[in-house]
N, C-alpha and C. Protein backbone atom coordinates (compact mmCIF):
# COMPACT_ATOMS: atom_id res chain seq x y z
N UNK A 1 0.82 -1.19 0.00
CA UNK A 1 0.00 0.00 0.00
C UNK A 1 0.87 1.26 0.00
N UNK A 2 2.03 1.18 0.60
CA UNK A 2 2.90 2.35 0.64
C UNK A 2 3.37 2.72 -0.77
N UNK A 3 3.67 1.72 -1.57
CA UNK A 3 4.07 2.00 -2.95
C UNK A 3 2.91 2.64 -3.73
N UNK A 4 1.71 2.20 -3.47
CA UNK A 4 0.54 2.80 -4.11
C UNK A 4 0.41 4.26 -3.67
N UNK A 5 0.64 4.51 -2.40
CA UNK A 5 0.59 5.89 -1.88
C UNK A 5 1.63 6.76 -2.59
N UNK A 6 2.84 6.24 -2.76
CA UNK A 6 3.87 7.00 -3.48
C UNK A 6 3.40 7.33 -4.89
N UNK A 7 2.91 6.34 -5.62
CA UNK A 7 2.43 6.59 -6.98
C UNK A 7 1.35 7.66 -6.99
N UNK A 8 0.44 7.56 -6.06
CA UNK A 8 -0.66 8.51 -5.98
C UNK A 8 -0.14 9.93 -5.76
N UNK A 9 0.84 10.08 -4.89
CA UNK A 9 1.40 11.41 -4.61
C UNK A 9 2.23 11.92 -5.78
N UNK A 10 3.06 11.08 -6.35
CA UNK A 10 3.94 11.50 -7.45
C UNK A 10 3.15 11.94 -8.68
N UNK A 11 2.05 11.25 -8.97
CA UNK A 11 1.29 11.55 -10.18
C UNK A 11 0.02 12.34 -9.92
N UNK A 12 -0.22 12.73 -8.65
CA UNK A 12 -1.37 13.56 -8.33
C UNK A 12 -2.70 12.90 -8.63
N UNK A 13 -2.80 11.61 -8.32
CA UNK A 13 -4.01 10.86 -8.63
C UNK A 13 -4.97 10.83 -7.45
N UNK A 14 -6.24 10.98 -7.74
CA UNK A 14 -7.28 10.82 -6.72
C UNK A 14 -7.38 9.33 -6.37
N UNK A 15 -8.13 9.02 -5.33
CA UNK A 15 -8.30 7.61 -4.96
C UNK A 15 -8.96 6.81 -6.09
N UNK A 16 -10.06 7.30 -6.69
CA UNK A 16 -10.65 6.55 -7.81
C UNK A 16 -9.70 6.44 -9.01
N UNK A 17 -8.96 7.52 -9.29
CA UNK A 17 -8.02 7.49 -10.42
C UNK A 17 -6.89 6.51 -10.16
N UNK A 18 -6.44 6.40 -8.90
CA UNK A 18 -5.38 5.45 -8.56
C UNK A 18 -5.87 4.03 -8.76
N UNK A 19 -7.10 3.76 -8.34
CA UNK A 19 -7.67 2.43 -8.53
C UNK A 19 -7.70 2.08 -10.02
N UNK A 20 -8.17 3.01 -10.84
CA UNK A 20 -8.23 2.78 -12.29
C UNK A 20 -6.84 2.59 -12.87
N UNK A 21 -5.89 3.39 -12.40
CA UNK A 21 -4.52 3.27 -12.92
C UNK A 21 -3.93 1.90 -12.61
N UNK A 22 -4.24 1.35 -11.45
CA UNK A 22 -3.75 0.01 -11.12
C UNK A 22 -4.29 -1.02 -12.09
N UNK A 23 -5.51 -0.81 -12.56
CA UNK A 23 -6.12 -1.74 -13.51
C UNK A 23 -5.59 -1.52 -14.93
N UNK A 24 -5.21 -0.27 -15.24
CA UNK A 24 -4.84 0.08 -16.62
C UNK A 24 -3.35 0.09 -16.90
N UNK A 25 -2.54 0.33 -15.89
CA UNK A 25 -1.09 0.51 -16.10
C UNK A 25 -0.34 -0.60 -15.35
N UNK A 26 0.08 -1.59 -16.09
CA UNK A 26 0.72 -2.74 -15.46
C UNK A 26 2.02 -2.35 -14.74
N UNK A 27 2.69 -1.30 -15.20
CA UNK A 27 3.92 -0.86 -14.54
C UNK A 27 3.64 -0.38 -13.12
N UNK A 28 2.47 0.23 -12.89
CA UNK A 28 2.10 0.65 -11.53
C UNK A 28 1.95 -0.57 -10.63
N UNK A 29 1.32 -1.62 -11.15
CA UNK A 29 1.17 -2.85 -10.36
C UNK A 29 2.53 -3.46 -10.06
N UNK A 30 3.40 -3.44 -11.04
CA UNK A 30 4.73 -4.00 -10.85
C UNK A 30 5.47 -3.23 -9.75
N UNK A 31 5.39 -1.90 -9.78
CA UNK A 31 6.04 -1.08 -8.76
C UNK A 31 5.47 -1.37 -7.37
N UNK A 32 4.15 -1.61 -7.31
CA UNK A 32 3.47 -1.87 -6.03
C UNK A 32 3.56 -3.33 -5.63
N UNK A 33 4.28 -4.14 -6.39
CA UNK A 33 4.43 -5.57 -6.12
C UNK A 33 3.08 -6.29 -6.12
N UNK A 34 2.24 -5.93 -7.08
CA UNK A 34 0.93 -6.58 -7.25
C UNK A 34 0.91 -7.30 -8.58
N UNK A 35 0.16 -8.36 -8.65
CA UNK A 35 -0.02 -9.09 -9.90
C UNK A 35 -1.07 -8.34 -10.73
N UNK A 36 -0.68 -7.76 -11.88
CA UNK A 36 -1.65 -6.99 -12.67
C UNK A 36 -2.84 -7.84 -13.14
N UNK A 37 -2.68 -9.14 -13.19
CA UNK A 37 -3.76 -10.01 -13.62
C UNK A 37 -4.66 -10.46 -12.47
N UNK A 38 -4.34 -10.02 -11.27
CA UNK A 38 -5.11 -10.43 -10.09
C UNK A 38 -6.53 -9.90 -10.19
N UNK A 39 -7.46 -10.70 -9.73
CA UNK A 39 -8.86 -10.29 -9.79
C UNK A 39 -9.19 -9.29 -8.69
N UNK A 40 -8.34 -9.21 -7.66
CA UNK A 40 -8.62 -8.29 -6.54
C UNK A 40 -7.43 -7.36 -6.31
N UNK A 41 -7.53 -6.19 -6.86
CA UNK A 41 -6.56 -5.14 -6.58
C UNK A 41 -7.20 -4.19 -5.58
N UNK A 42 -6.41 -3.40 -4.85
CA UNK A 42 -7.01 -2.48 -3.88
C UNK A 42 -8.02 -1.54 -4.55
N UNK A 43 -9.16 -1.37 -3.90
CA UNK A 43 -10.17 -0.47 -4.44
C UNK A 43 -9.97 0.92 -3.84
N UNK A 44 -10.77 1.88 -4.32
CA UNK A 44 -10.56 3.26 -3.89
C UNK A 44 -10.80 3.47 -2.40
N UNK A 45 -11.70 2.71 -1.78
CA UNK A 45 -11.93 2.88 -0.35
C UNK A 45 -10.74 2.35 0.47
N UNK A 46 -10.09 1.31 0.00
CA UNK A 46 -8.90 0.79 0.67
C UNK A 46 -7.76 1.80 0.56
N UNK A 47 -7.60 2.38 -0.62
CA UNK A 47 -6.58 3.39 -0.84
C UNK A 47 -6.85 4.61 0.04
N UNK A 48 -8.10 5.02 0.11
CA UNK A 48 -8.52 6.16 0.94
C UNK A 48 -8.23 5.90 2.41
N UNK A 49 -8.60 4.73 2.92
CA UNK A 49 -8.37 4.40 4.32
C UNK A 49 -6.88 4.40 4.67
N UNK A 50 -6.07 3.85 3.79
CA UNK A 50 -4.63 3.83 4.04
C UNK A 50 -4.07 5.25 4.06
N UNK A 51 -4.48 6.08 3.11
CA UNK A 51 -4.02 7.46 3.05
C UNK A 51 -4.44 8.22 4.30
N UNK A 52 -5.68 8.04 4.74
CA UNK A 52 -6.16 8.71 5.95
C UNK A 52 -5.40 8.22 7.19
N UNK A 53 -5.08 6.95 7.24
CA UNK A 53 -4.30 6.42 8.36
C UNK A 53 -2.93 7.09 8.44
N UNK A 54 -2.27 7.22 7.30
CA UNK A 54 -0.98 7.90 7.27
C UNK A 54 -1.13 9.36 7.72
N UNK A 55 -2.16 10.02 7.21
CA UNK A 55 -2.37 11.43 7.55
C UNK A 55 -2.71 11.63 9.03
N UNK A 56 -3.53 10.75 9.59
CA UNK A 56 -3.92 10.86 11.00
C UNK A 56 -2.72 10.80 11.93
N UNK A 57 -1.72 10.03 11.55
CA UNK A 57 -0.55 9.84 12.38
C UNK A 57 0.63 10.72 11.93
N UNK A 58 0.36 11.63 11.00
CA UNK A 58 1.41 12.53 10.53
C UNK A 58 2.54 11.84 9.80
N UNK A 59 2.26 10.69 9.22
CA UNK A 59 3.32 9.91 8.59
C UNK A 59 3.53 10.22 7.11
N UNK A 60 2.51 10.68 6.46
CA UNK A 60 2.59 10.91 5.02
C UNK A 60 3.73 11.86 4.66
N UNK A 61 3.76 13.01 5.31
CA UNK A 61 4.80 14.00 5.01
C UNK A 61 6.17 13.50 5.46
N UNK A 62 6.24 12.80 6.58
CA UNK A 62 7.52 12.27 7.06
C UNK A 62 8.09 11.25 6.08
N UNK A 63 7.23 10.39 5.58
CA UNK A 63 7.67 9.34 4.65
C UNK A 63 8.17 9.97 3.36
N UNK A 64 7.41 10.93 2.83
CA UNK A 64 7.81 11.58 1.59
C UNK A 64 9.11 12.34 1.79
N UNK A 65 9.26 13.05 2.90
CA UNK A 65 10.48 13.80 3.18
C UNK A 65 11.68 12.84 3.30
N UNK A 66 11.49 11.73 3.98
CA UNK A 66 12.57 10.76 4.14
C UNK A 66 12.93 10.14 2.79
N UNK A 67 11.93 9.90 1.97
CA UNK A 67 12.17 9.33 0.65
C UNK A 67 12.98 10.27 -0.23
N UNK A 68 12.59 11.53 -0.23
CA UNK A 68 13.31 12.52 -1.04
C UNK A 68 14.71 12.77 -0.48
N UNK A 69 14.84 12.78 0.84
CA UNK A 69 16.14 12.99 1.46
C UNK A 69 17.10 11.87 1.16
N UNK A 70 16.62 10.66 1.12
CA UNK A 70 17.47 9.50 0.85
C UNK A 70 17.99 9.52 -0.58
N UNK A 71 17.21 10.08 -1.50
CA UNK A 71 17.61 10.10 -2.91
C UNK A 71 18.51 11.29 -3.23
N UNK A 72 18.54 12.29 -2.36
CA UNK A 72 19.35 13.48 -2.67
C UNK A 72 20.78 13.37 -2.13
N UNK A 73 21.05 12.35 -1.35
CA UNK A 73 22.40 12.19 -0.77
C UNK A 73 23.35 11.58 -1.75
């Protein structure tokens, strides 16, 4: 789910758009370590709940900052 969150933030996708992108763009599934042929990919409510969980605990910004900091060294 964290990889899906990264994709969503990097490409500015809404929860419904992220769900559709997982179904349409096999590279997104590969990045998220999901089988693109799987019959059950995360739906928009699952993506929403995960994003809200990160936000409630102040983790979203910390994770993104740590990710960018690690790549700039």
